[in-house]
Amino acid sequence: MSGDKCLEWNYDHECDCLFVSRIEEYQYEESLEMNCDIIMDFDNLLNPSAFEFLNASKIFKSNNGDLCDIKEIRVHVSINEDLIKIFVDILTPNDKFNAVGKFINDINAPNCEKDMFAS
């Protein structure tokens, strides 16, 4: 999956929620609430599979109108025995937005580095 065009997304303007997931089917295993506004889903092999950003305009420091016209999303996930880090870049016709999150690896997800994108 690393470096593959493997994501799709859906932004709900009314709820200000951005859902990003792998295009390929996967067997859902569990979700990790990384903080109040970011939820990451893992498949049965504990690979990152989907991301939900609640209050997305706040997370990406944009007005939610910009997020209605996303042209490209890039996600990099880095997991080690202590931390799960997520880096997200969003490209719209008007601007580029990004967010970084670092969270304790309390589900014992295996070490990995994943680059995922969609355009």
PDB file of N, CA and C in Angstrom:
ATOM      1  N   MET A   1       0.824  -1.192   0.000  1.00  0.00           N
ATOM      2  CA  MET A   1       0.000   0.000   0.000  1.00  0.00           C
ATOM      3  C   MET A   1       0.867   1.254   0.000  1.00  0.00           C
ATOM      4  N   SER A   2       2.071   1.179   0.431  1.00  0.00           N
ATOM      5  CA  SER A   2       2.912   2.351   0.563  1.00  0.00           C
ATOM      6  C   SER A   2       3.099   3.047  -0.783  1.00  0.00           C
ATOM      7  N   GLY A   3       2.752   4.332  -0.835  1.00  0.00           N
ATOM      8  CA  GLY A   3       2.919   5.117  -2.036  1.00  0.00           C
ATOM      9  C   GLY A   3       1.856   4.895  -3.097  1.00  0.00           C
ATOM     10  N   ASP A   4       0.874   4.083  -2.833  1.00  0.00           N
ATOM     11  CA  ASP A   4      -0.172   3.809  -3.809  1.00  0.00           C
ATOM     12  C   ASP A   4      -1.299   4.829  -3.705  1.00  0.00           C
ATOM     13  N   LYS A   5      -1.956   5.045  -4.855  1.00  0.00           N
ATOM     14  CA  LYS A   5      -3.174   5.849  -4.844  1.00  0.00           C
ATOM     15  C   LYS A   5      -4.264   4.940  -4.291  1.00  0.00           C
ATOM     16  N   CYS A   6      -4.526   5.064  -3.015  1.00  0.00           N
ATOM     17  CA  CYS A   6      -5.350   4.054  -2.369  1.00  0.00           C
ATOM     18  C   CYS A   6      -6.437   4.629  -1.463  1.00  0.00           C
ATOM     19  N   LEU A   7      -6.686   5.922  -1.529  1.00  0.00           N
ATOM     20  CA  LEU A   7      -7.662   6.533  -0.632  1.00  0.00           C
ATOM     21  C   LEU A   7      -8.833   7.141  -1.396  1.00  0.00           C
ATOM     22  N   GLU A   8      -9.950   7.198  -0.718  1.00  0.00           N
ATOM     23  CA  GLU A   8     -11.095   7.977  -1.177  1.00  0.00           C
ATOM     24  C   GLU A   8     -11.565   8.793   0.019  1.00  0.00           C
ATOM     25  N   TRP A   9     -12.320   9.837  -0.238  1.00  0.00           N
ATOM     26  CA  TRP A   9     -12.763  10.681   0.857  1.00  0.00           C
ATOM     27  C   TRP A   9     -14.175  11.182   0.616  1.00  0.00           C
ATOM     28  N   ASN A  10     -14.765  11.630   1.733  1.00  0.00           N
ATOM     29  CA  ASN A  10     -16.086  12.238   1.693  1.00  0.00           C
ATOM     30  C   ASN A  10     -16.112  13.311   2.768  1.00  0.00           C
ATOM     31  N   TYR A  11     -16.447  14.529   2.362  1.00  0.00           N
ATOM     32  CA  TYR A  11     -16.551  15.635   3.322  1.00  0.00           C
ATOM     33  C   TYR A  11     -18.004  16.031   3.462  1.00  0.00           C
ATOM     34  N   ASP A  12     -18.501  16.057   4.689  1.00  0.00           N
ATOM     35  CA  ASP A  12     -19.869  16.475   4.991  1.00  0.00           C
ATOM     36  C   ASP A  12     -19.816  17.902   5.519  1.00  0.00           C
ATOM     37  N   HIS A  13     -20.241  18.835   4.677  1.00  0.00           N
ATOM     38  CA  HIS A  13     -20.184  20.262   4.995  1.00  0.00           C
ATOM     39  C   HIS A  13     -21.022  20.599   6.233  1.00  0.00           C
ATOM     40  N   GLU A  14     -22.205  20.015   6.346  1.00  0.00           N
ATOM     41  CA  GLU A  14     -23.094  20.334   7.467  1.00  0.00           C
ATOM     42  C   GLU A  14     -22.521  19.878   8.801  1.00  0.00           C
ATOM     43  N   CYS A  15     -21.919  18.713   8.829  1.00  0.00           N
ATOM     44  CA  CYS A  15     -21.342  18.178  10.078  1.00  0.00           C
ATOM     45  C   CYS A  15     -19.886  18.583  10.263  1.00  0.00           C
ATOM     46  N   ASP A  16     -19.279  19.141   9.206  1.00  0.00           N
ATOM     47  CA  ASP A  16     -17.861  19.483   9.206  1.00  0.00           C
ATOM     48  C   ASP A  16     -17.007  18.263   9.547  1.00  0.00           C
ATOM     49  N   CYS A  17     -17.329  17.128   8.891  1.00  0.00           N
ATOM     50  CA  CYS A  17     -16.615  15.873   9.102  1.00  0.00           C
ATOM     51  C   CYS A  17     -15.989  15.412   7.787  1.00  0.00           C
ATOM     52  N   LEU A  18     -14.741  15.011   7.868  1.00  0.00           N
ATOM     53  CA  LEU A  18     -14.033  14.465   6.712  1.00  0.00           C
ATOM     54  C   LEU A  18     -13.723  13.007   7.006  1.00  0.00           C
ATOM     55  N   PHE A  19     -14.187  12.121   6.125  1.00  0.00           N
ATOM     56  CA  PHE A  19     -13.915  10.695   6.257  1.00  0.00           C
ATOM     57  C   PHE A  19     -13.013  10.275   5.111  1.00  0.00           C
ATOM     58  N   VAL A  20     -11.874   9.678   5.436  1.00  0.00           N
ATOM     59  CA  VAL A  20     -10.890   9.234   4.452  1.00  0.00           C
ATOM     60  C   VAL A  20     -10.676   7.745   4.690  1.00  0.00           C
ATOM     61  N   SER A  21     -10.751   6.947   3.620  1.00  0.00           N
ATOM     62  CA  SER A  21     -10.574   5.506   3.797  1.00  0.00           C
ATOM     63  C   SER A  21      -9.842   4.887   2.614  1.00  0.00           C
ATOM     64  N   ARG A  22      -9.300   3.689   2.846  1.00  0.00           N
ATOM     65  CA  ARG A  22      -8.686   2.924   1.772  1.00  0.00           C
ATOM     66  C   ARG A  22      -9.758   2.542   0.767  1.00  0.00           C
ATOM     67  N   ILE A  23      -9.399   2.544  -0.502  1.00  0.00           N
ATOM     68  CA  ILE A  23     -10.321   2.148  -1.562  1.00  0.00           C
ATOM     69  C   ILE A  23     -10.552   0.640  -1.510  1.00  0.00           C
ATOM     70  N   GLU A  24      -9.492  -0.105  -1.322  1.00  0.00           N
ATOM     71  CA  GLU A  24      -9.617  -1.566  -1.305  1.00  0.00           C
ATOM     72  C   GLU A  24     -10.373  -2.024  -0.057  1.00  0.00           C
ATOM     73  N   GLU A  25     -11.072  -3.127  -0.210  1.00  0.00           N
ATOM     74  CA  GLU A  25     -11.807  -3.672   0.930  1.00  0.00           C
ATOM     75  C   GLU A  25     -10.832  -4.152   1.995  1.00  0.00           C
ATOM     76  N   TYR A  26     -11.256  -4.050   3.223  1.00  0.00           N
ATOM     77  CA  TYR A  26     -10.453  -4.537   4.341  1.00  0.00           C
ATOM     78  C   TYR A  26     -11.397  -5.027   5.428  1.00  0.00           C
ATOM     79  N   GLN A  27     -10.864  -5.868   6.282  1.00  0.00           N
ATOM     80  CA  GLN A  27     -11.661  -6.386   7.387  1.00  0.00           C
ATOM     81  C   GLN A  27     -11.413  -5.509   8.605  1.00  0.00           C
ATOM     82  N   TYR A  28     -12.428  -4.760   8.994  1.00  0.00           N
ATOM     83  CA  TYR A  28     -12.330  -3.849  10.127  1.00  0.00           C
ATOM     84  C   TYR A  28     -12.047  -4.621  11.415  1.00  0.00           C
ATOM     85  N   GLU A  29     -11.123  -4.083  12.216  1.00  0.00           N
ATOM     86  CA  GLU A  29     -10.793  -4.702  13.504  1.00  0.00           C
ATOM     87  C   GLU A  29     -11.178  -3.805  14.677  1.00  0.00           C
ATOM     88  N   GLU A  30     -10.666  -2.549  14.660  1.00  0.00           N
ATOM     89  CA  GLU A  30     -10.963  -1.651  15.771  1.00  0.00           C
ATOM     90  C   GLU A  30     -10.689  -0.205  15.395  1.00  0.00           C
ATOM     91  N   SER A  31     -11.225   0.693  16.212  1.00  0.00           N
ATOM     92  CA  SER A  31     -11.008   2.124  16.042  1.00  0.00           C
ATOM     93  C   SER A  31     -10.242   2.652  17.239  1.00  0.00           C
ATOM     94  N   LEU A  32      -9.431   3.639  16.986  1.00  0.00           N
ATOM     95  CA  LEU A  32      -8.681   4.307  18.041  1.00  0.00           C
ATOM     96  C   LEU A  32      -9.082   5.774  18.021  1.00  0.00           C
ATOM     97  N   GLU A  33      -9.675   6.235  19.115  1.00  0.00           N
ATOM     98  CA  GLU A  33     -10.004   7.654  19.242  1.00  0.00           C
ATOM     99  C   GLU A  33      -8.721   8.357  19.642  1.00  0.00           C
ATOM    100  N   MET A  34      -8.101   8.989  18.652  1.00  0.00           N
ATOM    101  CA  MET A  34      -6.789   9.584  18.874  1.00  0.00           C
ATOM    102  C   MET A  34      -6.887  10.858  19.711  1.00  0.00           C
ATOM    103  N   ASN A  35      -7.949  11.565  19.551  1.00  0.00           N
ATOM    104  CA  ASN A  35      -8.344  12.665  20.433  1.00  0.00           C
ATOM    105  C   ASN A  35      -9.827  12.874  20.171  1.00  0.00           C
ATOM    106  N   CYS A  36     -10.382  13.923  20.688  1.00  0.00           N
ATOM    107  CA  CYS A  36     -11.832  14.128  20.541  1.00  0.00           C
ATOM    108  C   CYS A  36     -12.267  14.279  19.086  1.00  0.00           C
ATOM    109  N   ASP A  37     -11.359  14.673  18.207  1.00  0.00           N
ATOM    110  CA  ASP A  37     -11.728  15.003  16.837  1.00  0.00           C
ATOM    111  C   ASP A  37     -11.128  14.097  15.770  1.00  0.00           C
ATOM    112  N   ILE A  38     -10.269  13.158  16.125  1.00  0.00           N
ATOM    113  CA  ILE A  38      -9.633  12.284  15.137  1.00  0.00           C
ATOM    114  C   ILE A  38      -9.803  10.832  15.571  1.00  0.00           C
ATOM    115  N   ILE A  39     -10.348  10.035  14.650  1.00  0.00           N
ATOM    116  CA  ILE A  39     -10.533   8.611  14.897  1.00  0.00           C
ATOM    117  C   ILE A  39      -9.852   7.859  13.757  1.00  0.00           C
ATOM    118  N   MET A  40      -9.024   6.859  14.100  1.00  0.00           N
ATOM    119  CA  MET A  40      -8.354   6.048  13.096  1.00  0.00           C
ATOM    120  C   MET A  40      -8.858   4.614  13.218  1.00  0.00           C
ATOM    121  N   ASP A  41      -9.234   4.037  12.070  1.00  0.00           N
ATOM    122  CA  ASP A  41      -9.659   2.638  12.024  1.00  0.00           C
ATOM    123  C   ASP A  41      -8.499   1.773  11.566  1.00  0.00           C
ATOM    124  N   PHE A  42      -8.462   0.561  12.105  1.00  0.00           N
ATOM    125  CA  PHE A  42      -7.446  -0.417  11.743  1.00  0.00           C
ATOM    126  C   PHE A  42      -8.123  -1.661  11.194  1.00  0.00           C
ATOM    127  N   ASP A  43      -7.422  -2.331  10.267  1.00  0.00           N
ATOM    128  CA  ASP A  43      -7.937  -3.591   9.751  1.00  0.00           C
ATOM    129  C   ASP A  43      -7.513  -4.739  10.664  1.00  0.00           C
ATOM    130  N   ASN A  44      -7.830  -5.948  10.279  1.00  0.00           N
ATOM    131  CA  ASN A  44      -7.543  -7.105  11.126  1.00  0.00           C
ATOM    132  C   ASN A  44      -6.046  -7.377  11.284  1.00  0.00           C
ATOM    133  N   LEU A  45      -5.195  -6.770  10.452  1.00  0.00           N
ATOM    134  CA  LEU A  45      -3.743  -6.887  10.601  1.00  0.00           C
ATOM    135  C   LEU A  45      -3.154  -5.667  11.307  1.00  0.00           C
ATOM    136  N   LEU A  46      -4.040  -4.805  11.832  1.00  0.00           N
ATOM    137  CA  LEU A  46      -3.689  -3.551  12.511  1.00  0.00           C
ATOM    138  C   LEU A  46      -2.963  -2.575  11.595  1.00  0.00           C
ATOM    139  N   ASN A  47      -3.357  -2.571  10.310  1.00  0.00           N
ATOM    140  CA  ASN A  47      -2.910  -1.549   9.372  1.00  0.00           C
ATOM    141  C   ASN A  47      -3.896  -0.393   9.412  1.00  0.00           C
ATOM    142  N   PRO A  48      -3.418   0.849   9.353  1.00  0.00           N
ATOM    143  CA  PRO A  48      -4.338   1.990   9.282  1.00  0.00           C
ATOM    144  C   PRO A  48      -5.206   1.865   8.033  1.00  0.00           C
ATOM    145  N   SER A  49      -6.531   2.049   8.197  1.00  0.00           N
ATOM    146  CA  SER A  49      -7.439   1.811   7.077  1.00  0.00           C
ATOM    147  C   SER A  49      -8.399   2.951   6.802  1.00  0.00           C
ATOM    148  N   ALA A  50      -8.728   3.728   7.823  1.00  0.00           N
ATOM    149  CA  ALA A  50      -9.656   4.845   7.632  1.00  0.00           C
ATOM    150  C   ALA A  50      -9.402   5.885   8.715  1.00  0.00           C
ATOM    151  N   PHE A  51      -9.787   7.118   8.391  1.00  0.00           N
ATOM    152  CA  PHE A  51      -9.579   8.234   9.296  1.00  0.00           C
ATOM    153  C   PHE A  51     -10.835   9.091   9.285  1.00  0.00           C
ATOM    154  N   GLU A  52     -11.283   9.492  10.454  1.00  0.00           N
ATOM    155  CA  GLU A  52     -12.419  10.402  10.539  1.00  0.00           C
ATOM    156  C   GLU A  52     -11.969  11.638  11.292  1.00  0.00           C
ATOM    157  N   PHE A  53     -12.174  12.793  10.653  1.00  0.00           N
ATOM    158  CA  PHE A  53     -11.801  14.070  11.237  1.00  0.00           C
ATOM    159  C   PHE A  53     -13.078  14.835  11.548  1.00  0.00           C
ATOM    160  N   LEU A  54     -13.454  14.866  12.814  1.00  0.00           N
ATOM    161  CA  LEU A  54     -14.613  15.634  13.265  1.00  0.00           C
ATOM    162  C   LEU A  54     -14.141  17.072  13.449  1.00  0.00           C
ATOM    163  N   ASN A  55     -15.002  18.033  13.179  1.00  0.00           N
ATOM    164  CA  ASN A  55     -14.597  19.449  13.231  1.00  0.00           C
ATOM    165  C   ASN A  55     -13.378  19.675  12.325  1.00  0.00           C
ATOM    166  N   ALA A  56     -13.475  19.188  11.110  1.00  0.00           N
ATOM    167  CA  ALA A  56     -12.351  19.199  10.174  1.00  0.00           C
ATOM    168  C   ALA A  56     -11.822  20.607   9.899  1.00  0.00           C
ATOM    169  N   SER A  57     -12.704  21.579   9.783  1.00  0.00           N
ATOM    170  CA  SER A  57     -12.217  22.939   9.495  1.00  0.00           C
ATOM    171  C   SER A  57     -11.366  23.462  10.645  1.00  0.00           C
ATOM    172  N   LYS A  58     -11.653  23.048  11.861  1.00  0.00           N
ATOM    173  CA  LYS A  58     -10.837  23.439  13.020  1.00  0.00           C
ATOM    174  C   LYS A  58      -9.483  22.732  12.969  1.00  0.00           C
ATOM    175  N   ILE A  59      -9.501  21.435  12.692  1.00  0.00           N
ATOM    176  CA  ILE A  59      -8.260  20.660  12.638  1.00  0.00           C
ATOM    177  C   ILE A  59      -7.329  21.196  11.557  1.00  0.00           C
ATOM    178  N   PHE A  60      -7.890  21.496  10.375  1.00  0.00           N
ATOM    179  CA  PHE A  60      -7.072  21.932   9.241  1.00  0.00           C
ATOM    180  C   PHE A  60      -6.983  23.449   9.109  1.00  0.00           C
ATOM    181  N   LYS A  61      -7.543  24.152  10.077  1.00  0.00           N
ATOM    182  CA  LYS A  61      -7.475  25.619  10.104  1.00  0.00           C
ATOM    183  C   LYS A  61      -7.918  26.229   8.772  1.00  0.00           C
ATOM    184  N   SER A  62      -9.103  25.844   8.352  1.00  0.00           N
ATOM    185  CA  SER A  62      -9.671  26.340   7.101  1.00  0.00           C
ATOM    186  C   SER A  62     -11.131  26.689   7.351  1.00  0.00           C
ATOM    187  N   ASN A  63     -11.753  27.354   6.384  1.00  0.00           N
ATOM    188  CA  ASN A  63     -13.205  27.451   6.488  1.00  0.00           C
ATOM    189  C   ASN A  63     -13.743  26.208   5.789  1.00  0.00           C
ATOM    190  N   ASN A  64     -14.861  25.702   6.261  1.00  0.00           N
ATOM    191  CA  ASN A  64     -15.310  24.411   5.747  1.00  0.00           C
ATOM    192  C   ASN A  64     -15.734  24.469   4.288  1.00  0.00           C
ATOM    193  N   GLY A  65     -15.910  25.659   3.729  1.00  0.00           N
ATOM    194  CA  GLY A  65     -16.179  25.767   2.303  1.00  0.00           C
ATOM    195  C   GLY A  65     -15.002  25.292   1.469  1.00  0.00           C
ATOM    196  N   ASP A  66     -13.771  25.546   1.945  1.00  0.00           N
ATOM    197  CA  ASP A  66     -12.584  25.083   1.225  1.00  0.00           C
ATOM    198  C   ASP A  66     -12.520  23.568   1.172  1.00  0.00           C
ATOM    199  N   LEU A  67     -12.963  22.911   2.234  1.00  0.00           N
ATOM    200  CA  LEU A  67     -12.873  21.454   2.293  1.00  0.00           C
ATOM    201  C   LEU A  67     -13.921  20.775   1.417  1.00  0.00           C
ATOM    202  N   CYS A  68     -14.863  21.533   0.889  1.00  0.00           N
ATOM    203  CA  CYS A  68     -15.857  20.970  -0.029  1.00  0.00           C
ATOM    204  C   CYS A  68     -15.256  20.680  -1.403  1.00  0.00           C
ATOM    205  N   ASP A  69     -14.113  21.264  -1.688  1.00  0.00           N
ATOM    206  CA  ASP A  69     -13.513  21.139  -3.015  1.00  0.00           C
ATOM    207  C   ASP A  69     -12.095  20.579  -2.924  1.00  0.00           C
ATOM    208  N   ILE A  70     -11.926  19.484  -2.238  1.00  0.00           N
ATOM    209  CA  ILE A  70     -10.617  18.851  -2.075  1.00  0.00           C
ATOM    210  C   ILE A  70     -10.190  18.218  -3.400  1.00  0.00           C
ATOM    211  N   LYS A  71      -8.960  18.493  -3.790  1.00  0.00           N
ATOM    212  CA  LYS A  71      -8.403  17.922  -5.023  1.00  0.00           C
ATOM    213  C   LYS A  71      -7.466  16.755  -4.730  1.00  0.00           C
ATOM    214  N   GLU A  72      -6.795  16.801  -3.579  1.00  0.00           N
ATOM    215  CA  GLU A  72      -5.826  15.756  -3.251  1.00  0.00           C
ATOM    216  C   GLU A  72      -5.680  15.647  -1.742  1.00  0.00           C
ATOM    217  N   ILE A  73      -5.499  14.433  -1.269  1.00  0.00           N
ATOM    218  CA  ILE A  73      -5.231  14.170   0.146  1.00  0.00           C
ATOM    219  C   ILE A  73      -4.033  13.244   0.224  1.00  0.00           C
ATOM    220  N   ARG A  74      -3.098  13.575   1.091  1.00  0.00           N
ATOM    221  CA  ARG A  74      -1.953  12.704   1.378  1.00  0.00           C
ATOM    222  C   ARG A  74      -1.917  12.458   2.882  1.00  0.00           C
ATOM    223  N   VAL A  75      -1.753  11.189   3.248  1.00  0.00           N
ATOM    224  CA  VAL A  75      -1.685  10.804   4.650  1.00  0.00           C
ATOM    225  C   VAL A  75      -0.415   9.994   4.854  1.00  0.00           C
ATOM    226  N   HIS A  76       0.341  10.342   5.862  1.00  0.00           N
ATOM    227  CA  HIS A  76       1.510   9.547   6.253  1.00  0.00           C
ATOM    228  C   HIS A  76       1.282   9.120   7.698  1.00  0.00           C
ATOM    229  N   VAL A  77       1.362   7.819   7.933  1.00  0.00           N
ATOM    230  CA  VAL A  77       1.197   7.271   9.276  1.00  0.00           C
ATOM    231  C   VAL A  77       2.502   6.608   9.664  1.00  0.00           C
ATOM    232  N   SER A  78       2.973   6.946  10.851  1.00  0.00           N
ATOM    233  CA  SER A  78       4.183   6.358  11.398  1.00  0.00           C
ATOM    234  C   SER A  78       3.841   5.773  12.762  1.00  0.00           C
ATOM    235  N   ILE A  79       4.091   4.481  12.905  1.00  0.00           N
ATOM    236  CA  ILE A  79       3.764   3.816  14.165  1.00  0.00           C
ATOM    237  C   ILE A  79       5.026   3.160  14.709  1.00  0.00           C
ATOM    238  N   ASN A  80       5.327   3.433  15.977  1.00  0.00           N
ATOM    239  CA  ASN A  80       6.368   2.685  16.674  1.00  0.00           C
ATOM    240  C   ASN A  80       5.766   2.171  17.975  1.00  0.00           C
ATOM    241  N   GLU A  81       6.559   1.517  18.783  1.00  0.00           N
ATOM    242  CA  GLU A  81       6.007   0.882  19.982  1.00  0.00           C
ATOM    243  C   GLU A  81       5.404   1.877  20.972  1.00  0.00           C
ATOM    244  N   ASP A  82       5.802   3.142  20.880  1.00  0.00           N
ATOM    245  CA  ASP A  82       5.302   4.147  21.821  1.00  0.00           C
ATOM    246  C   ASP A  82       4.256   5.083  21.242  1.00  0.00           C
ATOM    247  N   LEU A  83       4.437   5.461  19.972  1.00  0.00           N
ATOM    248  CA  LEU A  83       3.609   6.520  19.387  1.00  0.00           C
ATOM    249  C   LEU A  83       3.001   6.125  18.051  1.00  0.00           C
ATOM    250  N   ILE A  84       1.849   6.725  17.776  1.00  0.00           N
ATOM    251  CA  ILE A  84       1.238   6.712  16.451  1.00  0.00           C
ATOM    252  C   ILE A  84       1.217   8.169  15.996  1.00  0.00           C
ATOM    253  N   LYS A  85       1.845   8.450  14.867  1.00  0.00           N
ATOM    254  CA  LYS A  85       1.875   9.807  14.325  1.00  0.00           C
ATOM    255  C   LYS A  85       1.132   9.808  13.005  1.00  0.00           C
ATOM    256  N   ILE A  86       0.335  10.834  12.798  1.00  0.00           N
ATOM    257  CA  ILE A  86      -0.387  10.981  11.539  1.00  0.00           C
ATOM    258  C   ILE A  86      -0.127  12.383  10.998  1.00  0.00           C
ATOM    259  N   PHE A  87       0.243  12.437   9.726  1.00  0.00           N
ATOM    260  CA  PHE A  87       0.495  13.694   9.024  1.00  0.00           C
ATOM    261  C   PHE A  87      -0.460  13.727   7.838  1.00  0.00           C
ATOM    262  N   VAL A  88      -1.238  14.778   7.715  1.00  0.00           N
ATOM    263  CA  VAL A  88      -2.237  14.875   6.651  1.00  0.00           C
ATOM    264  C   VAL A  88      -2.048  16.184   5.896  1.00  0.00           C
ATOM    265  N   ASP A  89      -1.971  16.090   4.569  1.00  0.00           N
ATOM    266  CA  ASP A  89      -1.935  17.266   3.699  1.00  0.00           C
ATOM    267  C   ASP A  89      -3.164  17.221   2.805  1.00  0.00           C
ATOM    268  N   ILE A  90      -3.849  18.347   2.705  1.00  0.00           N
ATOM    269  CA  ILE A  90      -5.023  18.469   1.849  1.00  0.00           C
ATOM    270  C   ILE A  90      -4.784  19.625   0.882  1.00  0.00           C
ATOM    271  N   LEU A  91      -5.008  19.351  -0.386  1.00  0.00           N
ATOM    272  CA  LEU A  91      -4.841  20.366  -1.422  1.00  0.00           C
ATOM    273  C   LEU A  91      -6.215  20.715  -1.993  1.00  0.00           C
ATOM    274  N   THR A  92      -6.543  22.000  -1.987  1.00  0.00           N
ATOM    275  CA  THR A  92      -7.765  22.500  -2.616  1.00  0.00           C
ATOM    276  C   THR A  92      -7.338  23.479  -3.712  1.00  0.00           C
ATOM    277  N   PRO A  93      -8.255  23.904  -4.563  1.00  0.00           N
ATOM    278  CA  PRO A  93      -7.868  24.872  -5.598  1.00  0.00           C
ATOM    279  C   PRO A  93      -7.334  26.179  -5.014  1.00  0.00           C
ATOM    280  N   ASN A  94      -7.763  26.532  -3.802  1.00  0.00           N
ATOM    281  CA  ASN A  94      -7.392  27.820  -3.218  1.00  0.00           C
ATOM    282  C   ASN A  94      -6.221  27.758  -2.252  1.00  0.00           C
ATOM    283  N   ASP A  95      -5.945  26.602  -1.670  1.00  0.00           N
ATOM    284  CA  ASP A  95      -4.951  26.568  -0.611  1.00  0.00           C
ATOM    285  C   ASP A  95      -4.519  25.145  -0.320  1.00  0.00           C
ATOM    286  N   LYS A  96      -3.547  25.031   0.583  1.00  0.00           N
ATOM    287  CA  LYS A  96      -3.089  23.741   1.081  1.00  0.00           C
ATOM    288  C   LYS A  96      -3.233  23.766   2.599  1.00  0.00           C
ATOM    289  N   PHE A  97      -3.780  22.703   3.158  1.00  0.00           N
ATOM    290  CA  PHE A  97      -3.990  22.606   4.593  1.00  0.00           C
ATOM    291  C   PHE A  97      -3.288  21.361   5.098  1.00  0.00           C
ATOM    292  N   ASN A  98      -2.802  21.413   6.334  1.00  0.00           N
ATOM    293  CA  ASN A  98      -2.196  20.221   6.888  1.00  0.00           C
ATOM    294  C   ASN A  98      -2.451  20.134   8.382  1.00  0.00           C
ATOM    295  N   ALA A  99      -2.266  18.933   8.896  1.00  0.00           N
ATOM    296  CA  ALA A  99      -2.433  18.684  10.323  1.00  0.00           C
ATOM    297  C   ALA A  99      -1.487  17.558  10.714  1.00  0.00           C
ATOM    298  N   VAL A 100      -1.048  17.601  11.948  1.00  0.00           N
ATOM    299  CA  VAL A 100      -0.174  16.579  12.501  1.00  0.00           C
ATOM    300  C   VAL A 100      -0.752  16.167  13.845  1.00  0.00           C
ATOM    301  N   GLY A 101      -0.773  14.878  14.094  1.00  0.00           N
ATOM    302  CA  GLY A 101      -1.213  14.386  15.391  1.00  0.00           C
ATOM    303  C   GLY A 101      -0.261  13.328  15.896  1.00  0.00           C
ATOM    304  N   LYS A 102      -0.006  13.333  17.206  1.00  0.00           N
ATOM    305  CA  LYS A 102       0.831  12.326  17.849  1.00  0.00           C
ATOM    306  C   LYS A 102       0.040  11.747  19.013  1.00  0.00           C
ATOM    307  N   PHE A 103       0.000  10.425  19.066  1.00  0.00           N
ATOM    308  CA  PHE A 103      -0.839   9.768  20.050  1.00  0.00           C
ATOM    309  C   PHE A 103      -0.135   8.541  20.603  1.00  0.00           C
ATOM    310  N   ILE A 104      -0.423   8.186  21.818  1.00  0.00           N
ATOM    311  CA  ILE A 104       0.178   7.010  22.456  1.00  0.00           C
ATOM    312  C   ILE A 104      -0.324   5.740  21.777  1.00  0.00           C
ATOM    313  N   ASN A 105       0.563   4.828  21.510  1.00  0.00           N
ATOM    314  CA  ASN A 105       0.222   3.548  20.886  1.00  0.00           C
ATOM    315  C   ASN A 105      -0.235   2.584  21.985  1.00  0.00           C
ATOM    316  N   ASP A 106      -1.441   2.792  22.475  1.00  0.00           N
ATOM    317  CA  ASP A 106      -1.946   1.950  23.565  1.00  0.00           C
ATOM    318  C   ASP A 106      -2.728   0.741  23.067  1.00  0.00           C
ATOM    319  N   ILE A 107      -2.758   0.523  21.747  1.00  0.00           N
ATOM    320  CA  ILE A 107      -3.399  -0.684  21.217  1.00  0.00           C
ATOM    321  C   ILE A 107      -2.356  -1.675  20.698  1.00  0.00           C
ATOM    322  N   ASN A 108      -1.081  -1.324  20.907  1.00  0.00           N
ATOM    323  CA  ASN A 108       0.015  -2.180  20.460  1.00  0.00           C
ATOM    324  C   ASN A 108      -0.019  -2.446  18.957  1.00  0.00           C
ATOM    325  N   ALA A 109      -0.350  -1.418  18.183  1.00  0.00           N
ATOM    326  CA  ALA A 109      -0.294  -1.533  16.725  1.00  0.00           C
ATOM    327  C   ALA A 109       1.153  -1.802  16.329  1.00  0.00           C
ATOM    328  N   PRO A 110       1.373  -2.637  15.314  1.00  0.00           N
ATOM    329  CA  PRO A 110       2.750  -2.959  14.913  1.00  0.00           C
ATOM    330  C   PRO A 110       3.437  -1.773  14.248  1.00  0.00           C
ATOM    331  N   ASN A 111       4.767  -1.745  14.350  1.00  0.00           N
ATOM    332  CA  ASN A 111       5.558  -0.685  13.722  1.00  0.00           C
ATOM    333  C   ASN A 111       5.288  -0.659  12.225  1.00  0.00           C
ATOM    334  N   CYS A 112       5.095   0.541  11.689  1.00  0.00           N
ATOM    335  CA  CYS A 112       4.931   0.677  10.246  1.00  0.00           C
ATOM    336  C   CYS A 112       5.108   2.119   9.823  1.00  0.00           C
ATOM    337  N   GLU A 113       5.361   2.297   8.550  1.00  0.00           N
ATOM    338  CA  GLU A 113       5.397   3.600   7.886  1.00  0.00           C
ATOM    339  C   GLU A 113       4.516   3.452   6.657  1.00  0.00           C
ATOM    340  N   LYS A 114       3.466   4.252   6.529  1.00  0.00           N
ATOM    341  CA  LYS A 114       2.547   4.162   5.403  1.00  0.00           C
ATOM    342  C   LYS A 114       2.373   5.534   4.780  1.00  0.00           C
ATOM    343  N   ASP A 115       2.524   5.594   3.462  1.00  0.00           N
ATOM    344  CA  ASP A 115       2.184   6.774   2.684  1.00  0.00           C
ATOM    345  C   ASP A 115       0.947   6.423   1.882  1.00  0.00           C
ATOM    346  N   MET A 116      -0.113   7.177   2.060  1.00  0.00           N
ATOM    347  CA  MET A 116      -1.377   6.918   1.382  1.00  0.00           C
ATOM    348  C   MET A 116      -1.829   8.225   0.745  1.00  0.00           C
ATOM    349  N   PHE A 117      -2.367   8.154  -0.474  1.00  0.00           N
ATOM    350  CA  PHE A 117      -2.839   9.393  -1.093  1.00  0.00           C
ATOM    351  C   PHE A 117      -3.969   9.135  -2.048  1.00  0.00           C
ATOM    352  N   ALA A 118      -4.641  10.215  -2.389  1.00  0.00           N
ATOM    353  CA  ALA A 118      -5.719  10.186  -3.366  1.00  0.00           C
ATOM    354  C   ALA A 118      -5.739  11.517  -4.088  1.00  0.00           C
ATOM    355  N   SER A 119      -6.041  11.459  -5.370  1.00  0.00           N
ATOM    356  CA  SER A 119      -6.195  12.702  -6.138  1.00  0.00           C
ATOM    357  C   SER A 119      -7.268  12.527  -7.171  1.00  0.00           C
TER     358      SER A 119
END
